[in-house]
Amino acid sequence: MRLIISPWEYRHLRAWAGMRIASGIVLAGLGVVTLAFGTDDWKTYGWTMAFLAAAAAQLAFAYWELSIARAGSART
């Protein structure tokens, strides 16, 4: 895993995962706000899907980083 994740990020996996969770929550909120206050056209739905897809990616990556951090702390 150290080859995939940059060294400065690997040293602080829990902090970076927390940042990714926070950004995922913000992106999900942006998706909800866009859907709630947008018009009924493809542009609104497109932006909403983009925000929600980015939020899902951030949250999935944060989960992956937390699982790596948990596995690393169990070994030491």
N, C-alpha and C. Protein backbone atom coordinates (compact mmCIF):
# COMPACT_ATOMS: atom_id res chain seq x y z
N MET A 1 0.81 -1.19 0.00
CA MET A 1 0.00 0.00 0.00
C MET A 1 0.86 1.26 0.00
N ARG A 2 2.06 1.16 0.49
CA ARG A 2 2.91 2.36 0.55
C ARG A 2 3.29 2.86 -0.83
N LEU A 3 3.23 1.99 -1.84
CA LEU A 3 3.55 2.43 -3.19
C LEU A 3 2.39 3.18 -3.83
N ILE A 4 1.18 2.89 -3.43
CA ILE A 4 -0.01 3.53 -4.00
C ILE A 4 -0.25 4.89 -3.36
N ILE A 5 -0.12 4.96 -2.07
CA ILE A 5 -0.40 6.20 -1.31
C ILE A 5 0.91 6.95 -1.11
N SER A 6 0.87 8.25 -1.32
CA SER A 6 2.09 9.06 -1.16
C SER A 6 2.58 8.99 0.29
N PRO A 7 3.90 9.10 0.50
CA PRO A 7 4.46 8.93 1.85
C PRO A 7 3.92 9.92 2.88
N TRP A 8 3.76 11.18 2.51
CA TRP A 8 3.27 12.17 3.47
C TRP A 8 1.82 11.92 3.83
N GLU A 9 1.07 11.29 2.92
CA GLU A 9 -0.32 10.96 3.26
C GLU A 9 -0.37 9.66 4.07
N TYR A 10 0.53 8.73 3.78
CA TYR A 10 0.54 7.45 4.48
C TYR A 10 0.89 7.63 5.96
N ARG A 11 1.70 8.62 6.28
CA ARG A 11 2.09 8.83 7.68
C ARG A 11 0.94 9.34 8.53
N HIS A 12 -0.07 9.94 7.90
CA HIS A 12 -1.20 10.52 8.63
C HIS A 12 -2.51 10.04 8.03
N LEU A 13 -2.69 8.73 7.94
CA LEU A 13 -3.87 8.18 7.28
C LEU A 13 -5.17 8.58 7.97
N ARG A 14 -5.20 8.55 9.27
CA ARG A 14 -6.44 8.88 9.98
C ARG A 14 -6.84 10.35 9.77
N ALA A 15 -5.88 11.24 9.76
CA ALA A 15 -6.19 12.66 9.53
C ALA A 15 -6.71 12.87 8.11
N TRP A 16 -6.07 12.24 7.14
CA TRP A 16 -6.53 12.38 5.76
C TRP A 16 -7.89 11.75 5.56
N ALA A 17 -8.14 10.64 6.23
CA ALA A 17 -9.47 10.02 6.13
C ALA A 17 -10.53 10.93 6.73
N GLY A 18 -10.20 11.60 7.82
CA GLY A 18 -11.14 12.56 8.40
C GLY A 18 -11.43 13.72 7.46
N MET A 19 -10.39 14.20 6.77
CA MET A 19 -10.58 15.26 5.78
C MET A 19 -11.46 14.78 4.63
N ARG A 20 -11.25 13.55 4.20
CA ARG A 20 -12.07 13.01 3.10
C ARG A 20 -13.52 12.81 3.53
N ILE A 21 -13.74 12.41 4.77
CA ILE A 21 -15.11 12.27 5.27
C ILE A 21 -15.79 13.63 5.32
N ALA A 22 -15.07 14.64 5.79
CA ALA A 22 -15.64 15.99 5.84
C ALA A 22 -15.97 16.50 4.45
N SER A 23 -15.06 16.28 3.50
CA SER A 23 -15.34 16.75 2.14
C SER A 23 -16.46 15.95 1.50
N GLY A 24 -16.59 14.67 1.83
CA GLY A 24 -17.71 13.88 1.33
C GLY A 24 -19.04 14.37 1.85
N ILE A 25 -19.07 14.78 3.11
CA ILE A 25 -20.30 15.32 3.69
C ILE A 25 -20.66 16.65 3.03
N VAL A 26 -19.65 17.49 2.79
CA VAL A 26 -19.90 18.78 2.12
C VAL A 26 -20.40 18.55 0.70
N LEU A 27 -19.80 17.62 -0.02
CA LEU A 27 -20.24 17.34 -1.39
C LEU A 27 -21.65 16.78 -1.42
N ALA A 28 -21.98 15.92 -0.48
CA ALA A 28 -23.36 15.40 -0.42
C ALA A 28 -24.34 16.52 -0.11
N GLY A 29 -23.96 17.43 0.77
CA GLY A 29 -24.80 18.58 1.06
C GLY A 29 -25.00 19.47 -0.16
N LEU A 30 -23.93 19.67 -0.93
CA LEU A 30 -24.05 20.44 -2.16
C LEU A 30 -24.99 19.77 -3.16
N GLY A 31 -24.93 18.44 -3.21
CA GLY A 31 -25.84 17.72 -4.10
C GLY A 31 -27.29 17.89 -3.68
N VAL A 32 -27.54 17.83 -2.40
CA VAL A 32 -28.92 17.99 -1.89
C VAL A 32 -29.41 19.42 -2.13
N VAL A 33 -28.55 20.41 -1.89
CA VAL A 33 -28.94 21.80 -2.11
C VAL A 33 -29.20 22.05 -3.60
N THR A 34 -28.35 21.51 -4.45
CA THR A 34 -28.54 21.67 -5.89
C THR A 34 -29.85 21.04 -6.33
N LEU A 35 -30.16 19.88 -5.82
CA LEU A 35 -31.41 19.22 -6.20
C LEU A 35 -32.62 19.96 -5.63
N ALA A 36 -32.50 20.48 -4.44
CA ALA A 36 -33.64 21.15 -3.81
C ALA A 36 -33.96 22.50 -4.45
N PHE A 37 -32.93 23.24 -4.82
CA PHE A 37 -33.16 24.60 -5.31
C PHE A 37 -32.97 24.74 -6.82
N GLY A 38 -32.64 23.67 -7.51
CA GLY A 38 -32.45 23.74 -8.95
C GLY A 38 -33.76 23.60 -9.70
N THR A 39 -33.70 23.86 -10.98
CA THR A 39 -34.88 23.70 -11.82
C THR A 39 -35.00 22.26 -12.28
N ASP A 40 -36.09 21.96 -12.95
CA ASP A 40 -36.31 20.59 -13.44
C ASP A 40 -35.72 20.43 -14.84
N ASP A 41 -34.41 20.37 -14.93
CA ASP A 41 -33.77 20.14 -16.22
C ASP A 41 -32.58 19.21 -16.03
N TRP A 42 -31.99 18.82 -17.14
CA TRP A 42 -30.89 17.85 -17.10
C TRP A 42 -29.66 18.43 -16.43
N LYS A 43 -29.49 19.75 -16.50
CA LYS A 43 -28.31 20.37 -15.90
C LYS A 43 -28.31 20.22 -14.38
N THR A 44 -29.46 20.42 -13.77
CA THR A 44 -29.57 20.28 -12.32
C THR A 44 -29.29 18.84 -11.89
N TYR A 45 -29.89 17.89 -12.61
CA TYR A 45 -29.69 16.49 -12.26
C TYR A 45 -28.25 16.05 -12.54
N GLY A 46 -27.65 16.61 -13.57
CA GLY A 46 -26.25 16.28 -13.86
C GLY A 46 -25.31 16.76 -12.78
N TRP A 47 -25.49 18.01 -12.33
CA TRP A 47 -24.65 18.53 -11.25
C TRP A 47 -24.89 17.77 -9.95
N THR A 48 -26.14 17.43 -9.70
CA THR A 48 -26.45 16.67 -8.48
C THR A 48 -25.77 15.32 -8.51
N MET A 49 -25.84 14.64 -9.66
CA MET A 49 -25.19 13.33 -9.76
C MET A 49 -23.67 13.46 -9.65
N ALA A 50 -23.11 14.53 -10.19
CA ALA A 50 -21.66 14.73 -10.09
C ALA A 50 -21.25 14.95 -8.63
N PHE A 51 -21.99 15.79 -7.91
CA PHE A 51 -21.68 16.03 -6.50
C PHE A 51 -21.82 14.74 -5.68
N LEU A 52 -22.89 13.99 -5.92
CA LEU A 52 -23.10 12.76 -5.14
C LEU A 52 -22.09 11.68 -5.49
N ALA A 53 -21.69 11.60 -6.76
CA ALA A 53 -20.66 10.63 -7.15
C ALA A 53 -19.32 10.98 -6.51
N ALA A 54 -18.98 12.26 -6.50
CA ALA A 54 -17.73 12.68 -5.85
C ALA A 54 -17.78 12.42 -4.35
N ALA A 55 -18.94 12.63 -3.74
CA ALA A 55 -19.09 12.36 -2.30
C ALA A 55 -18.92 10.87 -2.02
N ALA A 56 -19.52 10.04 -2.86
CA ALA A 56 -19.39 8.59 -2.68
C ALA A 56 -17.94 8.14 -2.84
N ALA A 57 -17.24 8.73 -3.80
CA ALA A 57 -15.83 8.38 -4.01
C ALA A 57 -14.98 8.80 -2.81
N GLN A 58 -15.22 9.99 -2.28
CA GLN A 58 -14.46 10.46 -1.12
C GLN A 58 -14.71 9.58 0.10
N LEU A 59 -15.97 9.23 0.32
CA LEU A 59 -16.30 8.40 1.49
C LEU A 59 -15.74 6.98 1.34
N ALA A 60 -15.77 6.44 0.12
CA ALA A 60 -15.21 5.11 -0.10
C ALA A 60 -13.70 5.12 0.11
N PHE A 61 -13.03 6.14 -0.38
CA PHE A 61 -11.58 6.24 -0.20
C PHE A 61 -11.22 6.44 1.26
N ALA A 62 -12.03 7.19 1.99
CA ALA A 62 -11.78 7.39 3.43
C ALA A 62 -11.94 6.07 4.18
N TYR A 63 -12.95 5.29 3.81
CA TYR A 63 -13.13 3.98 4.44
C TYR A 63 -11.93 3.09 4.16
N TRP A 64 -11.43 3.13 2.93
CA TRP A 64 -10.27 2.32 2.56
C TRP A 64 -9.05 2.75 3.36
N GLU A 65 -8.83 4.06 3.50
CA GLU A 65 -7.70 4.54 4.29
C GLU A 65 -7.82 4.16 5.76
N LEU A 66 -9.02 4.23 6.31
CA LEU A 66 -9.21 3.84 7.71
C LEU A 66 -8.97 2.35 7.90
N SER A 67 -9.36 1.53 6.93
CA SER A 67 -9.11 0.10 7.06
C SER A 67 -7.61 -0.20 6.98
N ILE A 68 -6.87 0.54 6.18
CA ILE A 68 -5.41 0.38 6.13
C ILE A 68 -4.80 0.81 7.46
N ALA A 69 -5.25 1.91 8.01
CA ALA A 69 -4.72 2.40 9.29
C ALA A 69 -5.02 1.42 10.41
N ARG A 70 -6.21 0.84 10.38
CA ARG A 70 -6.57 -0.14 11.41
C ARG A 70 -5.71 -1.39 11.29
N ALA A 71 -5.48 -1.86 10.07
CA ALA A 71 -4.67 -3.06 9.88
C ALA A 71 -3.22 -2.80 10.27
N GLY A 72 -2.73 -1.61 10.00
CA GLY A 72 -1.35 -1.27 10.37
C GLY A 72 -1.15 -1.15 11.86
N SER A 73 -2.14 -0.63 12.57
CA SER A 73 -2.00 -0.48 14.01
C SER A 73 -2.16 -1.81 14.73
N ALA A 74 -2.84 -2.77 14.12
CA ALA A 74 -3.00 -4.08 14.74
C ALA A 74 -1.70 -4.87 14.68
N ARG A 75 -0.90 -4.61 13.65
CA ARG A 75 0.35 -5.34 13.49
C ARG A 75 1.46 -4.81 14.38
N THR A 76 1.38 -3.57 14.78
CA THR A 76 2.49 -3.02 15.57
C THR A 76 2.23 -3.11 17.04
